[in-house]
Amino acid sequence: MDRWPHRLMVLVIDFDNVFEARLHKVRARIPAHLEERVFVLGSLSEPEALRKSGLGSYEAIGSAMAKDCREGNKGIWGDDLLKHNAGELSRLRQSIVPILFPPA
């Protein structure tokens, strides 16, 4: 990432039902000069729980997440297993929406 100063990274993890502790542990491994370009998102427990909760297949979940991110909707991101991502999602949207979803 040092070679490409505009590169962004999204880390997708499961938080094992210990959101704050896992987030802190992951963030502690990110070099300070890269913190603003690295985003940590994930399921509160494990990805399988998302599918089991009736949100659909992994493909459907991913598509809904991308759509709601692009449109700025809570939608799927408001689910109990994903709502803890709100702050990071907001930060991510500020960086990627202009690049991936420019105004038509």
N, C-alpha and C. Protein backbone atom coordinates (compact mmCIF):
# COMPACT_ATOMS: atom_id res chain seq x y z
N MET A 1 0.83 -1.20 0.00
CA MET A 1 0.00 0.00 0.00
C MET A 1 0.87 1.25 0.00
N ASP A 2 2.09 1.12 0.45
CA ASP A 2 2.98 2.27 0.43
C ASP A 2 3.33 2.69 -1.00
N ARG A 3 3.36 1.73 -1.90
CA ARG A 3 3.69 2.03 -3.30
C ARG A 3 2.54 2.71 -4.04
N TRP A 4 1.32 2.47 -3.58
CA TRP A 4 0.14 3.03 -4.24
C TRP A 4 -0.66 3.85 -3.22
N PRO A 5 -0.40 5.12 -3.12
CA PRO A 5 -0.99 5.96 -2.08
C PRO A 5 -2.50 6.14 -2.16
N HIS A 6 -3.11 5.73 -3.25
CA HIS A 6 -4.57 5.86 -3.36
C HIS A 6 -5.29 4.53 -3.14
N ARG A 7 -4.54 3.48 -2.90
CA ARG A 7 -5.14 2.17 -2.68
C ARG A 7 -5.85 2.13 -1.34
N LEU A 8 -7.02 1.48 -1.32
CA LEU A 8 -7.80 1.28 -0.10
C LEU A 8 -7.89 -0.21 0.16
N MET A 9 -8.10 -0.59 1.40
CA MET A 9 -8.25 -2.00 1.74
C MET A 9 -9.44 -2.18 2.67
N VAL A 10 -10.23 -3.19 2.38
CA VAL A 10 -11.36 -3.56 3.23
C VAL A 10 -11.05 -4.93 3.82
N LEU A 11 -10.98 -5.00 5.13
CA LEU A 11 -10.81 -6.27 5.82
C LEU A 11 -12.18 -6.75 6.25
N VAL A 12 -12.54 -7.95 5.85
CA VAL A 12 -13.82 -8.53 6.21
C VAL A 12 -13.54 -9.66 7.19
N ILE A 13 -14.04 -9.49 8.42
CA ILE A 13 -13.78 -10.47 9.47
C ILE A 13 -15.08 -10.84 10.17
N ASP A 14 -15.04 -11.89 10.98
CA ASP A 14 -16.15 -12.13 11.89
C ASP A 14 -15.67 -11.66 13.26
N PHE A 15 -16.57 -11.07 14.00
CA PHE A 15 -16.20 -10.47 15.28
C PHE A 15 -16.40 -11.41 16.46
N ASP A 16 -16.82 -12.64 16.20
CA ASP A 16 -16.94 -13.66 17.26
C ASP A 16 -17.71 -13.18 18.48
N ASN A 17 -18.71 -12.33 18.27
CA ASN A 17 -19.55 -11.79 19.35
C ASN A 17 -18.77 -10.97 20.39
N VAL A 18 -17.58 -10.53 20.03
CA VAL A 18 -16.80 -9.64 20.89
C VAL A 18 -16.30 -8.48 20.03
N PHE A 19 -17.25 -7.70 19.54
CA PHE A 19 -16.98 -6.65 18.56
C PHE A 19 -15.84 -5.72 18.96
N GLU A 20 -15.95 -5.07 20.11
CA GLU A 20 -14.94 -4.09 20.51
C GLU A 20 -13.55 -4.71 20.63
N ALA A 21 -13.46 -5.86 21.26
CA ALA A 21 -12.16 -6.51 21.47
C ALA A 21 -11.53 -6.92 20.14
N ARG A 22 -12.33 -7.52 19.25
CA ARG A 22 -11.79 -7.95 17.94
C ARG A 22 -11.40 -6.75 17.09
N LEU A 23 -12.23 -5.72 17.10
CA LEU A 23 -11.91 -4.53 16.31
C LEU A 23 -10.61 -3.90 16.81
N HIS A 24 -10.48 -3.80 18.11
CA HIS A 24 -9.26 -3.23 18.69
C HIS A 24 -8.03 -4.06 18.31
N LYS A 25 -8.16 -5.38 18.38
CA LYS A 25 -7.06 -6.28 18.05
C LYS A 25 -6.64 -6.12 16.59
N VAL A 26 -7.61 -6.04 15.69
CA VAL A 26 -7.31 -5.89 14.27
C VAL A 26 -6.70 -4.51 14.00
N ARG A 27 -7.31 -3.47 14.54
CA ARG A 27 -6.81 -2.10 14.32
C ARG A 27 -5.39 -1.92 14.85
N ALA A 28 -5.06 -2.62 15.93
CA ALA A 28 -3.71 -2.52 16.50
C ALA A 28 -2.64 -3.04 15.55
N ARG A 29 -3.03 -3.88 14.61
CA ARG A 29 -2.09 -4.46 13.63
C ARG A 29 -1.92 -3.59 12.38
N ILE A 30 -2.74 -2.56 12.24
CA ILE A 30 -2.68 -1.70 11.06
C ILE A 30 -1.69 -0.57 11.33
N PRO A 31 -0.68 -0.41 10.47
CA PRO A 31 0.27 0.68 10.68
C PRO A 31 -0.44 2.04 10.70
N ALA A 32 0.00 2.91 11.58
CA ALA A 32 -0.65 4.21 11.78
C ALA A 32 -0.81 4.99 10.49
N HIS A 33 0.18 4.95 9.62
CA HIS A 33 0.10 5.75 8.39
C HIS A 33 -0.89 5.18 7.37
N LEU A 34 -1.45 3.98 7.65
CA LEU A 34 -2.43 3.37 6.74
C LEU A 34 -3.84 3.36 7.32
N GLU A 35 -4.01 3.76 8.57
CA GLU A 35 -5.30 3.65 9.25
C GLU A 35 -6.46 4.25 8.48
N GLU A 36 -6.26 5.39 7.85
CA GLU A 36 -7.35 6.05 7.13
C GLU A 36 -7.73 5.34 5.85
N ARG A 37 -6.88 4.43 5.37
CA ARG A 37 -7.14 3.74 4.11
C ARG A 37 -7.55 2.29 4.30
N VAL A 38 -7.66 1.84 5.55
CA VAL A 38 -8.06 0.47 5.85
C VAL A 38 -9.38 0.49 6.60
N PHE A 39 -10.31 -0.34 6.14
CA PHE A 39 -11.65 -0.39 6.71
C PHE A 39 -11.91 -1.82 7.19
N VAL A 40 -12.50 -1.95 8.38
CA VAL A 40 -12.76 -3.27 8.97
C VAL A 40 -14.27 -3.44 9.11
N LEU A 41 -14.81 -4.41 8.38
CA LEU A 41 -16.23 -4.71 8.41
C LEU A 41 -16.43 -6.20 8.68
N GLY A 42 -17.60 -6.57 9.18
CA GLY A 42 -17.86 -7.98 9.35
C GLY A 42 -19.12 -8.28 10.12
N SER A 43 -19.42 -9.55 10.15
CA SER A 43 -20.57 -10.06 10.88
C SER A 43 -20.26 -10.06 12.38
N LEU A 44 -21.26 -9.75 13.19
CA LEU A 44 -21.07 -9.73 14.63
C LEU A 44 -20.60 -11.08 15.14
N SER A 45 -21.17 -12.15 14.61
CA SER A 45 -20.77 -13.48 15.08
C SER A 45 -19.94 -14.17 14.00
N GLU A 46 -20.60 -14.79 13.04
CA GLU A 46 -19.91 -15.46 11.94
C GLU A 46 -20.75 -15.34 10.67
N PRO A 47 -20.15 -15.41 9.51
CA PRO A 47 -20.89 -15.23 8.26
C PRO A 47 -22.06 -16.21 8.10
N GLU A 48 -21.89 -17.42 8.56
CA GLU A 48 -22.97 -18.41 8.44
C GLU A 48 -24.25 -17.94 9.14
N ALA A 49 -24.10 -17.18 10.21
CA ALA A 49 -25.27 -16.67 10.93
C ALA A 49 -26.09 -15.71 10.06
N LEU A 50 -25.44 -14.99 9.18
CA LEU A 50 -26.17 -14.09 8.26
C LEU A 50 -27.09 -14.89 7.36
N ARG A 51 -26.56 -15.96 6.79
CA ARG A 51 -27.36 -16.80 5.90
C ARG A 51 -28.49 -17.47 6.66
N LYS A 52 -28.17 -17.97 7.84
CA LYS A 52 -29.18 -18.67 8.65
C LYS A 52 -30.28 -17.73 9.15
N SER A 53 -29.99 -16.44 9.24
CA SER A 53 -30.99 -15.49 9.74
C SER A 53 -32.04 -15.14 8.68
N GLY A 54 -31.89 -15.72 7.50
CA GLY A 54 -32.90 -15.51 6.46
C GLY A 54 -32.58 -14.38 5.50
N LEU A 55 -31.33 -13.92 5.48
CA LEU A 55 -30.95 -12.83 4.58
C LEU A 55 -30.65 -13.32 3.16
N GLY A 56 -30.67 -14.63 2.97
CA GLY A 56 -30.45 -15.19 1.64
C GLY A 56 -29.09 -15.84 1.52
N SER A 57 -28.72 -16.12 0.26
CA SER A 57 -27.42 -16.73 -0.02
C SER A 57 -26.32 -15.70 0.22
N TYR A 58 -25.08 -16.16 0.25
CA TYR A 58 -23.97 -15.22 0.41
C TYR A 58 -23.94 -14.23 -0.75
N GLU A 59 -24.26 -14.70 -1.94
CA GLU A 59 -24.30 -13.81 -3.10
C GLU A 59 -25.38 -12.74 -2.93
N ALA A 60 -26.55 -13.14 -2.46
CA ALA A 60 -27.65 -12.19 -2.25
C ALA A 60 -27.29 -11.19 -1.14
N ILE A 61 -26.66 -11.68 -0.09
CA ILE A 61 -26.25 -10.81 1.01
C ILE A 61 -25.23 -9.79 0.52
N GLY A 62 -24.23 -10.25 -0.21
CA GLY A 62 -23.20 -9.36 -0.74
C GLY A 62 -23.79 -8.31 -1.68
N SER A 63 -24.71 -8.73 -2.53
CA SER A 63 -25.36 -7.79 -3.46
C SER A 63 -26.16 -6.74 -2.71
N ALA A 64 -26.89 -7.18 -1.68
CA ALA A 64 -27.69 -6.24 -0.89
C ALA A 64 -26.79 -5.27 -0.13
N MET A 65 -25.67 -5.77 0.37
CA MET A 65 -24.73 -4.90 1.08
C MET A 65 -24.17 -3.84 0.14
N ALA A 66 -23.78 -4.24 -1.05
CA ALA A 66 -23.23 -3.30 -2.02
C ALA A 66 -24.28 -2.27 -2.43
N LYS A 67 -25.48 -2.73 -2.69
CA LYS A 67 -26.57 -1.84 -3.12
C LYS A 67 -26.88 -0.81 -2.02
N ASP A 68 -27.03 -1.27 -0.80
CA ASP A 68 -27.34 -0.36 0.30
C ASP A 68 -26.18 0.59 0.61
N CYS A 69 -24.96 0.12 0.42
CA CYS A 69 -23.80 0.99 0.59
C CYS A 69 -23.84 2.09 -0.46
N ARG A 70 -24.06 1.70 -1.70
CA ARG A 70 -24.10 2.66 -2.81
C ARG A 70 -25.19 3.69 -2.61
N GLU A 71 -26.37 3.24 -2.20
CA GLU A 71 -27.53 4.12 -2.07
C GLU A 71 -27.61 4.83 -0.73
N GLY A 72 -26.76 4.45 0.20
CA GLY A 72 -26.77 5.09 1.51
C GLY A 72 -27.94 4.65 2.38
N ASN A 73 -28.49 3.48 2.10
CA ASN A 73 -29.61 2.94 2.88
C ASN A 73 -29.09 2.08 4.02
N LYS A 74 -29.86 2.06 5.12
CA LYS A 74 -29.52 1.13 6.20
C LYS A 74 -29.76 -0.29 5.72
N GLY A 75 -30.95 -0.55 5.19
CA GLY A 75 -31.29 -1.85 4.64
C GLY A 75 -30.66 -3.00 5.39
N ILE A 76 -29.90 -3.79 4.67
CA ILE A 76 -29.27 -4.97 5.26
C ILE A 76 -28.27 -4.60 6.35
N TRP A 77 -27.67 -3.42 6.24
CA TRP A 77 -26.70 -2.98 7.24
C TRP A 77 -27.36 -2.70 8.59
N GLY A 78 -28.69 -2.59 8.64
CA GLY A 78 -29.41 -2.39 9.89
C GLY A 78 -29.71 -3.69 10.62
N ASP A 79 -29.39 -4.83 10.00
CA ASP A 79 -29.60 -6.13 10.64
C ASP A 79 -28.76 -6.22 11.91
N ASP A 80 -29.29 -6.94 12.90
CA ASP A 80 -28.59 -7.08 14.19
C ASP A 80 -27.17 -7.62 14.04
N LEU A 81 -26.92 -8.42 13.01
CA LEU A 81 -25.60 -9.01 12.82
C LEU A 81 -24.64 -8.08 12.07
N LEU A 82 -25.16 -6.94 11.57
CA LEU A 82 -24.32 -6.03 10.79
C LEU A 82 -24.34 -4.58 11.27
N LYS A 83 -25.28 -4.21 12.11
CA LYS A 83 -25.45 -2.81 12.47
C LYS A 83 -24.27 -2.20 13.21
N HIS A 84 -23.43 -3.01 13.83
CA HIS A 84 -22.23 -2.51 14.51
C HIS A 84 -21.23 -1.90 13.53
N ASN A 85 -21.40 -2.13 12.24
CA ASN A 85 -20.51 -1.60 11.21
C ASN A 85 -20.83 -0.15 10.81
N ALA A 86 -21.83 0.45 11.41
CA ALA A 86 -22.32 1.76 10.96
C ALA A 86 -21.23 2.82 10.83
N GLY A 87 -20.41 2.97 11.84
CA GLY A 87 -19.36 4.00 11.79
C GLY A 87 -18.34 3.73 10.70
N GLU A 88 -17.90 2.50 10.61
CA GLU A 88 -16.91 2.14 9.60
C GLU A 88 -17.51 2.21 8.20
N LEU A 89 -18.76 1.83 8.07
CA LEU A 89 -19.44 1.90 6.78
C LEU A 89 -19.56 3.35 6.31
N SER A 90 -19.86 4.24 7.21
CA SER A 90 -19.95 5.66 6.87
C SER A 90 -18.60 6.18 6.39
N ARG A 91 -17.56 5.81 7.07
CA ARG A 91 -16.22 6.22 6.69
C ARG A 91 -15.83 5.64 5.34
N LEU A 92 -16.18 4.37 5.12
CA LEU A 92 -15.90 3.71 3.85
C LEU A 92 -16.64 4.39 2.70
N ARG A 93 -17.91 4.68 2.93
CA ARG A 93 -18.72 5.31 1.88
C ARG A 93 -18.11 6.64 1.43
N GLN A 94 -17.61 7.41 2.36
CA GLN A 94 -17.00 8.70 2.02
C GLN A 94 -15.83 8.52 1.06
N SER A 95 -15.12 7.41 1.19
CA SER A 95 -13.96 7.16 0.34
C SER A 95 -14.30 6.49 -0.98
N ILE A 96 -15.24 5.55 -0.98
CA ILE A 96 -15.44 4.76 -2.20
C ILE A 96 -16.58 5.20 -3.10
N VAL A 97 -17.61 5.82 -2.53
CA VAL A 97 -18.76 6.17 -3.37
C VAL A 97 -18.35 7.07 -4.54
N PRO A 98 -17.54 8.09 -4.33
CA PRO A 98 -17.15 8.92 -5.48
C PRO A 98 -16.37 8.14 -6.55
N ILE A 99 -15.66 7.08 -6.14
CA ILE A 99 -14.86 6.31 -7.07
C ILE A 99 -15.72 5.24 -7.77
N LEU A 100 -16.44 4.44 -6.98
CA LEU A 100 -17.18 3.32 -7.54
C LEU A 100 -18.56 3.68 -8.05
N PHE A 101 -19.17 4.68 -7.46
CA PHE A 101 -20.55 5.02 -7.83
C PHE A 101 -20.68 6.50 -8.12
N PRO A 102 -19.95 7.03 -9.11
CA PRO A 102 -20.03 8.47 -9.41
C PRO A 102 -21.42 8.86 -9.88
N PRO A 103 -21.80 10.12 -9.69
CA PRO A 103 -23.12 10.56 -10.16
C PRO A 103 -23.25 10.34 -11.66
N ALA A 104 -24.43 9.97 -12.07
CA ALA A 104 -24.67 9.69 -13.51
C ALA A 104 -24.68 10.95 -14.33
